[in-house]
Amino acid sequence: MKSSVRAVLGLAGGALAGLALMAASASAQTIAITDGRILTGSGIIENGTVIIRDGRIAAVGASVPVPAGAEVISAAGRVVAPGFVAVDSGLGGNEVSSQPEANDLRQSSNSISAAFDLSWGLDPWSITLPVARLGGVTRAIVVPSHPGSSGGHDHNHDFAGLGASGHHEPGLFAGQAAVIHLAEGTEIIVQPRVAMVAPFGNAGANVAGGARGALYTLLRETFAEVRLYARNRAAYDRGDVRALSLSRADLEALVPVVEGRMPLIVTVHKANDILMALRIAREENIRLILDGAEEGWMVADQIAAANVPVLLNALANLPGSFERRASSLENAARLHAAGVLIAIKGNEGSVHRAREARYNAGNAVAHGLPYEAGIAALTVNPARIFGQQQRFGAIAPGLEADVVIWSGDPLEPLSQPVAIYIRGVAQPLYSRGLELRDRYRPGQQPGLPPAYRN
């Protein structure tokens, strides 16, 4: 079969290009994206070629031959990048922020906290997914919300107490995060239960009773109980173990954490709280991920020495609370310079504004973060932090083909995707918002009901 050639169209024809590419990918097992500026996630290849075969990256380089019979997509004058990974996100779990029934990121049971697995409630038909996808986001780390989280505050259960069942309410742990992809289809879960989530700082102290000392004491006691349970499951079943403060489901969920198999994401802001979190992780042998860390630049060397990654919002520069009084737009650059592995997240829980992560990365670059580090903070770094680097996060042979062709620099706000592939399948370049725009725009075509016409 003779190779066919399609030029990637400009922004005005982007939607038509997307539909054409979808049809092409459905019929072609091999796709060659040629002549683009390729951001691999770890470097830049000028005038390079990416070969996609059976949903994976088969080859990438400056002089890669195009296989016979491949569907050829010219990306001349364009930028080819890995799909972005939204971290600390609520995508698929929070549809309308003002409607509690549309929020599956939080729960208030007094017998389940760490065992809360939000992956069961994530919606593949969520209108938030196509919007994020149009910002180049192809994967997300979805996390449960809790008091103090960026995904939304839970003021109804900010303080500790014992619920009707005798268990601690609210739980110190918010639940378990999941990895999803944003491709069209009915199954978006990539991997559930990839990390445990808990609040630290003021929010964690309030949950524990109102003081940081209570939080750290409660954490240590909780980890001790989990280890006791893990060593004595049979005795626990017989009732020969002393009463424990957590339900069996929560104890089981925390076993991978205390055994170092599951990382613990702690939302923390203040430099001193960061040091306390590092100390607990060291003494309890816990794998830690810092979320927020607005004052992280003050203790960047200690974070780097502990080999602890950070999820951050690069725009956090105002002292919105006492915990964030030393926030700085240079936080990302200083942490990176110290050797900390960073991932840059979107705004307001990375749900409706998940696509803004690339703007935040652009601002971090403007304040000292190297450009390639800014791209890595959206792609390969999140994959590494959550153990997904063998699946996605870069344009490299063997990885799943999450590839976006951009009209220009993806860190520039005016640049837009002209083609999006997830697992090698071209995705539509539209969202519910664009559909509504086209339905109600002036001069709409005749034949629609009167309410749809101007």
Protein backbone atom coordinates (compact mmCIF):
# COMPACT_ATOMS: atom_id res chain seq x y z
CA MET A 1 0.00 0.00 0.00
CA LYS A 2 1.34 3.40 -0.88
CA SER A 3 1.82 5.76 2.06
CA SER A 4 -0.69 8.58 2.19
CA VAL A 5 0.22 12.07 3.35
CA ARG A 6 -1.95 14.50 5.31
CA ALA A 7 -0.79 17.97 6.31
CA VAL A 8 -1.85 19.03 9.77
CA LEU A 9 -4.17 22.00 9.22
CA GLY A 10 -4.08 25.40 10.92
CA LEU A 11 -6.28 26.46 13.79
CA ALA A 12 -9.19 27.44 11.56
CA GLY A 13 -9.41 23.91 10.23
CA GLY A 14 -8.42 22.18 13.46
CA ALA A 15 -11.74 20.45 14.05
CA LEU A 16 -11.87 19.08 10.50
CA ALA A 17 -8.28 17.93 10.83
CA GLY A 18 -9.17 16.13 14.03
CA LEU A 19 -12.05 14.26 12.36
CA ALA A 20 -9.87 13.35 9.40
CA LEU A 21 -7.12 12.09 11.67
CA MET A 22 -9.61 10.00 13.63
CA ALA A 23 -10.75 8.30 10.46
CA ALA A 24 -7.15 7.80 9.40
CA SER A 25 -6.07 6.24 12.69
CA ALA A 26 -9.04 3.88 12.66
CA SER A 27 -7.88 2.38 9.39
CA ALA A 28 -4.11 2.53 9.86
CA GLN A 29 -2.08 0.37 12.22
CA THR A 30 1.01 2.56 11.75
CA ILE A 31 1.16 6.35 11.87
CA ALA A 32 4.20 8.50 11.09
CA ILE A 33 4.28 12.10 12.38
CA THR A 34 7.05 13.82 10.45
CA ASP A 35 9.02 17.08 10.32
CA GLY A 36 7.92 18.38 13.73
CA ARG A 37 9.79 19.90 16.64
CA ILE A 38 9.55 17.00 19.08
CA LEU A 39 9.55 17.57 22.83
CA THR A 40 10.21 14.05 24.08
CA GLY A 41 9.84 14.89 27.78
CA SER A 42 13.58 14.59 28.33
CA GLY A 43 14.90 16.52 25.34
CA ILE A 44 14.13 18.22 22.02
CA ILE A 45 14.48 16.80 18.50
CA GLU A 46 14.32 19.25 15.63
CA ASN A 47 12.62 18.11 12.41
CA GLY A 48 11.99 14.73 13.92
CA THR A 49 9.70 11.80 13.22
CA VAL A 50 7.49 9.81 15.58
CA ILE A 51 6.29 6.35 14.54
CA ILE A 52 3.15 5.02 16.25
CA ARG A 53 2.33 1.36 15.82
CA ASP A 54 -0.52 -0.51 17.53
CA GLY A 55 -1.05 2.25 20.06
CA ARG A 56 2.58 2.58 21.15
CA ILE A 57 5.62 4.61 20.21
CA ALA A 58 7.64 2.42 17.86
CA ALA A 59 10.42 4.89 17.10
CA VAL A 60 11.39 8.55 17.47
CA GLY A 61 14.32 10.50 16.09
CA ALA A 62 15.68 12.93 13.53
CA SER A 63 16.30 10.37 10.81
CA VAL A 64 13.72 7.66 11.42
CA PRO A 65 12.53 6.04 8.18
CA VAL A 66 8.81 6.02 7.50
CA PRO A 67 7.49 2.45 7.29
CA ALA A 68 5.81 1.38 4.08
CA GLY A 69 2.06 1.74 4.26
CA ALA A 70 2.11 4.13 7.20
CA GLU A 71 -0.36 7.00 7.46
CA VAL A 72 1.90 10.06 7.28
CA ILE A 73 1.02 13.24 9.20
CA SER A 74 3.13 16.27 8.41
CA ALA A 75 3.84 18.36 11.52
CA ALA A 76 6.08 20.84 9.70
CA GLY A 77 6.13 24.11 11.64
CA ARG A 78 4.37 22.44 14.57
CA VAL A 79 5.41 21.12 17.97
CA VAL A 80 4.91 17.47 18.92
CA ALA A 81 4.77 16.76 22.66
CA PRO A 82 3.75 14.02 25.07
CA GLY A 83 0.24 14.33 26.48
CA PHE A 84 0.17 16.26 29.74
CA VAL A 85 -0.58 14.57 33.05
CA ALA A 86 -2.88 16.44 35.44
CA VAL A 87 -1.85 15.84 39.06
CA ASP A 88 -3.86 16.47 42.24
CA SER A 89 -6.88 16.40 39.97
CA GLY A 90 -10.61 15.86 40.33
CA LEU A 91 -11.27 15.02 36.67
CA GLY A 92 -14.14 12.60 36.26
CA GLY A 93 -15.12 12.89 39.92
CA ASN A 94 -16.51 16.41 40.28
CA GLU A 95 -18.90 17.58 37.59
CA VAL A 96 -20.48 20.74 39.04
CA SER A 97 -18.73 22.27 42.02
CA SER A 98 -21.89 23.81 43.50
CA GLN A 99 -23.80 20.51 43.49
CA PRO A 100 -22.75 18.00 46.20
CA GLU A 101 -24.46 15.12 44.38
CA ALA A 102 -22.10 15.69 41.45
CA ASN A 103 -19.02 15.29 43.67
CA ASP A 104 -17.61 11.78 44.10
CA LEU A 105 -14.26 12.97 45.45
CA ARG A 106 -15.25 13.09 49.12
CA GLN A 107 -17.18 11.00 51.60
CA SER A 108 -18.09 11.43 55.27
CA SER A 109 -18.38 7.89 56.59
CA ASN A 110 -17.00 7.49 60.10
CA SER A 111 -15.94 3.90 59.44
CA ILE A 112 -14.16 4.33 56.10
CA SER A 113 -11.38 6.80 55.41
CA ALA A 114 -8.16 5.29 54.06
CA ALA A 115 -10.20 2.56 52.33
CA PHE A 116 -12.12 5.09 50.22
CA ASP A 117 -11.37 4.12 46.61
CA LEU A 118 -12.67 6.90 44.37
CA SER A 119 -11.98 4.97 41.17
CA TRP A 120 -15.43 3.33 41.46
CA GLY A 121 -17.16 6.69 41.01
CA LEU A 122 -15.20 8.24 38.15
CA ASP A 123 -17.38 9.09 35.14
CA PRO A 124 -16.04 8.48 31.60
CA TRP A 125 -18.85 10.71 30.23
CA SER A 126 -17.89 13.69 32.40
CA ILE A 127 -18.01 16.93 30.42
CA THR A 128 -14.78 17.98 32.15
CA LEU A 129 -12.70 15.37 30.31
CA PRO A 130 -12.94 16.77 26.74
CA VAL A 131 -12.28 20.29 28.04
CA ALA A 132 -9.09 19.15 29.75
CA ARG A 133 -8.13 17.10 26.72
CA LEU A 134 -8.31 20.21 24.53
CA GLY A 135 -5.61 21.63 26.79
CA GLY A 136 -3.33 18.73 25.90
CA VAL A 137 -4.15 16.68 29.03
CA THR A 138 -4.27 12.97 28.23
CA ARG A 139 -3.86 11.42 31.71
CA ALA A 140 -4.72 12.46 35.26
CA ILE A 141 -3.94 11.47 38.83
CA VAL A 142 -7.35 11.83 40.50
CA VAL A 143 -7.24 12.34 44.28
CA PRO A 144 -9.93 12.45 46.97
CA SER A 145 -10.66 15.85 48.47
CA HIS A 146 -10.24 16.65 52.15
CA PRO A 147 -9.99 19.67 54.47
CA GLY A 148 -7.26 21.86 53.04
CA SER A 149 -7.02 20.15 49.65
CA SER A 150 -6.95 22.15 46.43
CA GLY A 151 -9.90 20.12 45.19
CA GLY A 152 -12.24 21.72 47.70
CA HIS A 153 -12.59 22.21 51.43
CA ASP A 154 -14.75 20.04 53.64
CA HIS A 155 -15.77 22.33 56.49
CA ASN A 156 -18.42 20.00 57.86
CA HIS A 157 -15.84 17.61 59.28
CA ASP A 158 -12.80 19.71 60.11
CA PHE A 159 -12.45 18.62 63.73
CA ALA A 160 -11.87 15.29 65.37
CA GLY A 161 -14.29 13.18 67.36
CA LEU A 162 -15.73 9.70 67.61
CA GLY A 163 -18.60 8.82 65.31
CA ALA A 164 -21.55 6.59 66.12
CA SER A 165 -19.56 3.46 65.27
CA GLY A 166 -16.77 4.40 67.66
CA HIS A 167 -14.32 5.09 64.84
CA HIS A 168 -12.42 8.34 64.43
CA GLU A 169 -14.39 10.98 62.52
CA PRO A 170 -13.32 12.40 60.21
CA GLY A 171 -10.59 10.00 59.16
CA LEU A 172 -7.07 11.33 59.10
CA PHE A 173 -6.71 9.78 55.63
CA ALA A 174 -8.85 11.03 52.74
CA GLY A 175 -8.62 7.89 50.63
CA GLN A 176 -6.75 6.54 47.62
CA ALA A 177 -5.85 8.17 44.32
CA ALA A 178 -6.30 6.66 40.85
CA VAL A 179 -4.73 7.10 37.41
CA ILE A 180 -7.06 7.67 34.45
CA HIS A 181 -6.73 8.38 30.75
CA LEU A 182 -8.91 10.93 28.95
CA ALA A 183 -9.64 9.02 25.75
CA GLU A 184 -13.20 8.63 24.55
CA GLY A 185 -14.75 5.38 25.71
CA THR A 186 -16.46 3.72 28.64
CA GLU A 187 -13.38 2.67 30.60
CA ILE A 188 -10.97 5.38 31.75
CA ILE A 189 -9.26 3.72 34.74
CA VAL A 190 -5.57 3.01 34.16
CA GLN A 191 -4.68 2.01 37.72
CA PRO A 192 -6.65 2.45 40.97
CA ARG A 193 -5.11 2.85 44.42
CA VAL A 194 -1.79 4.37 43.36
CA ALA A 195 -1.36 6.58 46.44
CA MET A 196 -2.89 7.37 49.83
CA VAL A 197 -3.90 10.97 50.59
CA ALA A 198 -3.85 12.87 53.89
CA PRO A 199 -3.90 16.50 55.07
CA PHE A 200 -0.99 17.95 57.08
CA GLY A 201 -0.40 21.42 58.48
CA ASN A 202 -3.42 23.34 59.80
CA ALA A 203 -5.96 21.09 58.07
CA GLY A 204 -4.39 17.92 59.43
CA ALA A 205 -4.03 19.41 62.89
CA ASN A 206 -7.73 20.33 62.92
CA VAL A 207 -8.70 16.80 61.96
CA ALA A 208 -6.50 15.42 64.77
CA GLY A 209 -7.91 17.73 67.42
CA GLY A 210 -6.53 21.20 66.79
CA ALA A 211 -2.75 21.01 67.19
CA ARG A 212 0.16 19.76 65.12
CA GLY A 213 1.48 17.70 68.01
CA ALA A 214 -1.80 15.81 68.08
CA LEU A 215 -1.54 15.15 64.35
CA TYR A 216 1.93 13.66 64.55
CA THR A 217 1.03 11.58 67.62
CA LEU A 218 -2.09 10.26 65.90
CA LEU A 219 -0.09 9.39 62.78
CA ARG A 220 2.47 7.41 64.72
CA GLU A 221 -0.20 5.57 66.67
CA THR A 222 -2.09 4.81 63.46
CA PHE A 223 0.99 3.38 61.75
CA ALA A 224 1.72 1.28 64.84
CA GLU A 225 -1.82 -0.12 64.79
CA VAL A 226 -1.57 -0.95 61.09
CA ARG A 227 1.68 -2.83 61.66
CA LEU A 228 0.14 -4.66 64.60
CA TYR A 229 -2.82 -5.67 62.45
CA ALA A 230 -0.60 -6.74 59.53
CA ARG A 231 1.39 -9.06 61.84
CA ASN A 232 -1.69 -10.51 63.51
CA ARG A 233 -4.52 -10.82 60.97
CA ALA A 234 -5.56 -14.25 62.22
CA ALA A 235 -5.59 -13.06 65.82
CA TYR A 236 -7.57 -10.00 64.77
CA ASP A 237 -10.18 -12.28 63.17
CA ARG A 238 -10.44 -14.26 66.42
CA GLY A 239 -10.80 -11.09 68.48
CA ASP A 240 -7.46 -11.68 70.23
CA VAL A 241 -6.02 -8.26 69.34
CA ARG A 242 -6.70 -5.15 71.41
CA ALA A 243 -9.32 -2.73 70.11
CA LEU A 244 -8.00 -0.66 67.22
CA SER A 245 -9.19 2.82 66.26
CA LEU A 246 -9.60 2.09 62.53
CA SER A 247 -11.99 -0.22 60.73
CA ARG A 248 -10.63 -3.38 59.17
CA ALA A 249 -11.09 -1.85 55.69
CA ASP A 250 -8.93 1.15 56.66
CA LEU A 251 -6.28 -1.04 58.27
CA GLU A 252 -6.03 -3.15 55.13
CA ALA A 253 -5.82 -0.06 52.94
CA LEU A 254 -2.91 1.31 54.99
CA VAL A 255 -0.82 -1.87 54.99
CA PRO A 256 0.79 -1.00 51.60
CA VAL A 257 1.65 2.45 53.00
CA VAL A 258 3.48 1.20 56.09
CA GLU A 259 5.20 -1.46 53.98
CA GLY A 260 6.48 1.20 51.56
CA ARG A 261 4.58 -0.13 48.56
CA MET A 262 2.16 2.82 48.28
CA PRO A 263 3.22 6.47 48.57
CA LEU A 264 1.47 8.87 50.92
CA ILE A 265 0.49 12.25 49.44
CA VAL A 266 0.43 14.87 52.19
CA THR A 267 -0.99 18.34 51.57
CA VAL A 268 1.42 20.68 53.31
CA HIS A 269 2.40 24.32 52.86
CA LYS A 270 4.58 25.68 55.68
CA ALA A 271 8.34 25.06 55.70
CA ASN A 272 8.32 23.73 59.25
CA ASP A 273 5.43 21.38 58.45
CA ILE A 274 7.38 20.11 55.46
CA LEU A 275 10.33 19.28 57.72
CA MET A 276 8.03 17.48 60.15
CA ALA A 277 6.54 15.47 57.29
CA LEU A 278 10.03 14.52 56.10
CA ARG A 279 10.96 13.48 59.65
CA ILE A 280 7.90 11.25 60.03
CA ALA A 281 8.51 9.67 56.62
CA ARG A 282 12.11 8.94 57.58
CA GLU A 283 11.34 7.54 61.02
CA GLU A 284 8.32 5.51 59.86
CA ASN A 285 9.92 4.43 56.56
CA ILE A 286 7.03 5.91 54.54
CA ARG A 287 7.26 6.89 50.87
CA LEU A 288 6.17 10.52 50.75
CA ILE A 289 4.86 12.92 48.09
CA LEU A 290 4.44 16.57 49.07
CA ASP A 291 1.41 18.39 47.67
CA GLY A 292 1.42 22.20 47.71
CA ALA A 293 4.73 22.98 49.45
CA GLU A 294 4.45 26.72 48.78
CA GLU A 295 7.32 27.32 51.19
CA GLY A 296 9.26 24.38 49.81
CA TRP A 297 11.99 26.60 48.38
CA MET A 298 13.04 27.45 51.96
CA VAL A 299 13.88 23.79 52.66
CA ALA A 300 14.61 22.62 49.10
CA ASP A 301 17.90 20.95 50.02
CA GLN A 302 16.23 18.85 52.72
CA ILE A 303 13.44 17.80 50.35
CA ALA A 304 15.99 16.81 47.70
CA ALA A 305 18.12 14.89 50.22
CA ALA A 306 15.03 12.92 51.26
CA ASN A 307 14.30 12.12 47.59
CA VAL A 308 10.71 13.32 48.02
CA PRO A 309 8.83 14.68 44.98
CA VAL A 310 6.56 17.74 45.04
CA LEU A 311 3.25 18.52 43.33
CA LEU A 312 2.95 22.29 43.14
CA ASN A 313 1.00 25.19 41.73
CA ALA A 314 3.60 27.45 40.16
CA LEU A 315 1.30 30.50 40.45
CA ALA A 316 1.05 30.32 44.26
CA ASN A 317 2.74 33.54 45.30
CA LEU A 318 0.33 35.30 47.70
CA PRO A 319 0.24 34.70 51.48
CA GLY A 320 -3.41 33.65 51.44
CA SER A 321 -2.92 32.11 54.88
CA PHE A 322 -0.33 32.10 57.64
CA GLU A 323 0.95 28.78 56.30
CA ARG A 324 1.76 30.35 52.92
CA ARG A 325 3.33 33.61 53.98
CA ALA A 326 6.61 32.86 52.13
CA SER A 327 5.03 31.74 48.84
CA SER A 328 7.10 32.60 45.78
CA LEU A 329 6.77 32.44 42.01
CA GLU A 330 10.33 31.09 42.03
CA ASN A 331 9.33 28.04 44.07
CA ALA A 332 9.37 25.64 41.10
CA ALA A 333 12.73 26.93 39.82
CA ARG A 334 14.39 26.75 43.23
CA LEU A 335 13.10 23.27 43.99
CA HIS A 336 14.24 22.03 40.58
CA ALA A 337 17.66 23.65 41.01
CA ALA A 338 18.05 21.81 44.32
CA GLY A 339 17.34 18.50 42.60
CA VAL A 340 13.72 17.99 43.64
CA LEU A 341 11.46 16.09 41.24
CA ILE A 342 8.50 18.42 40.63
CA ALA A 343 5.15 18.14 38.87
CA ILE A 344 3.14 21.28 38.05
CA LYS A 345 -0.62 21.14 38.50
CA GLY A 346 -3.59 23.16 37.30
CA ASN A 347 -5.84 25.48 39.26
CA GLU A 348 -8.81 24.92 41.60
CA GLY A 349 -8.42 21.19 41.92
CA SER A 350 -7.47 20.58 38.28
CA VAL A 351 -11.05 19.83 37.28
CA HIS A 352 -12.60 22.60 35.19
CA ARG A 353 -9.22 24.36 34.97
CA ALA A 354 -6.94 21.36 34.53
CA ARG A 355 -5.91 22.70 31.12
CA GLU A 356 -4.27 25.69 32.83
CA ALA A 357 -1.39 23.55 34.09
CA ARG A 358 0.54 24.46 30.93
CA TYR A 359 0.04 28.16 31.63
CA ASN A 360 1.37 27.60 35.14
CA ALA A 361 4.39 25.79 33.74
CA GLY A 362 4.96 28.70 31.36
CA ASN A 363 4.93 31.10 34.29
CA ALA A 364 7.41 28.89 36.15
CA VAL A 365 9.70 29.03 33.12
CA ALA A 366 9.34 32.81 33.08
CA HIS A 367 10.54 32.79 36.71
CA GLY A 368 13.65 30.72 36.27
CA LEU A 369 12.62 27.11 35.61
CA PRO A 370 14.44 25.76 32.52
CA TYR A 371 12.11 25.22 29.57
CA GLU A 372 12.72 21.49 29.26
CA ALA A 373 12.15 21.12 33.00
CA GLY A 374 8.81 22.88 32.55
CA ILE A 375 7.77 20.33 29.92
CA ALA A 376 9.01 17.47 32.10
CA ALA A 377 6.97 18.80 35.04
CA LEU A 378 3.82 18.25 32.94
CA THR A 379 4.74 14.90 31.40
CA VAL A 380 7.51 12.52 32.43
CA ASN A 381 7.84 13.77 36.03
CA PRO A 382 4.22 13.00 37.04
CA ALA A 383 4.57 9.57 35.43
CA ARG A 384 7.75 8.90 37.42
CA ILE A 385 6.27 10.16 40.69
CA PHE A 386 3.35 7.73 40.43
CA GLY A 387 5.28 4.78 39.00
CA GLN A 388 3.81 5.07 35.51
CA GLN A 389 6.99 5.88 33.58
CA GLN A 390 6.90 2.52 31.78
CA ARG A 391 3.41 3.32 30.46
CA PHE A 392 3.26 7.00 29.49
CA GLY A 393 4.70 10.46 30.09
CA ALA A 394 7.26 10.68 27.28
CA ILE A 395 7.71 10.16 23.57
CA ALA A 396 9.95 7.13 23.77
CA PRO A 397 9.90 3.68 22.16
CA GLY A 398 7.65 1.20 23.94
CA LEU A 399 5.46 3.73 25.75
CA GLU A 400 1.77 4.16 25.04
CA ALA A 401 1.31 6.78 22.34
CA ASP A 402 -0.10 9.81 24.14
CA VAL A 403 0.97 12.44 21.60
CA VAL A 404 -0.26 15.98 20.95
CA ILE A 405 0.56 18.06 17.89
CA TRP A 406 0.47 21.75 18.79
CA SER A 407 0.15 24.81 16.58
CA GLY A 408 3.09 26.31 18.46
CA ASP A 409 4.87 26.24 21.80
CA PRO A 410 2.53 24.40 24.21
CA LEU A 411 3.55 26.71 27.07
CA GLU A 412 2.24 29.70 25.12
CA PRO A 413 -1.48 30.36 25.86
CA LEU A 414 -2.37 31.04 22.20
CA SER A 415 -1.05 27.67 21.02
CA GLN A 416 -3.70 25.00 20.53
CA PRO A 417 -3.68 21.26 19.78
CA VAL A 418 -4.32 20.41 16.14
CA ALA A 419 -4.26 16.65 16.77
CA ILE A 420 -4.47 14.59 19.97
CA TYR A 421 -3.65 10.89 20.26
CA ILE A 422 -4.25 8.79 23.36
CA ARG A 423 -2.92 5.24 23.20
CA GLY A 424 -2.40 5.85 19.50
CA VAL A 425 -6.05 6.72 18.81
CA ALA A 426 -6.87 10.21 17.50
CA GLN A 427 -9.32 12.07 19.73
CA PRO A 428 -12.04 14.55 18.67
CA LEU A 429 -11.16 18.21 18.96
CA TYR A 430 -14.43 19.34 20.51
CA SER A 431 -16.10 19.63 23.90
CA ARG A 432 -19.59 20.32 25.20
CA GLY A 433 -18.72 24.00 25.46
CA LEU A 434 -17.73 24.18 21.79
CA GLU A 435 -20.88 22.31 20.78
CA LEU A 436 -23.05 24.82 22.65
CA ARG A 437 -21.12 27.69 21.08
CA ASP A 438 -21.79 26.35 17.61
CA ARG A 439 -25.45 25.61 18.35
CA TYR A 440 -26.28 29.11 19.56
CA ARG A 441 -23.91 31.30 17.56
CA PRO A 442 -25.48 34.02 15.40
CA GLY A 443 -26.47 32.93 11.89
CA GLN A 444 -27.00 29.31 12.86
CA GLN A 445 -28.11 27.13 9.97
CA PRO A 446 -31.85 26.69 9.33
CA GLY A 447 -33.62 23.48 10.20
CA LEU A 448 -32.97 23.59 13.94
CA PRO A 449 -35.86 24.19 16.38
CA PRO A 450 -36.66 27.90 16.92
CA ALA A 451 -35.06 27.94 20.37
CA TYR A 452 -31.73 27.04 18.76
CA ARG A 453 -31.82 29.87 16.22
CA ASN A 454 -31.10 33.54 16.74
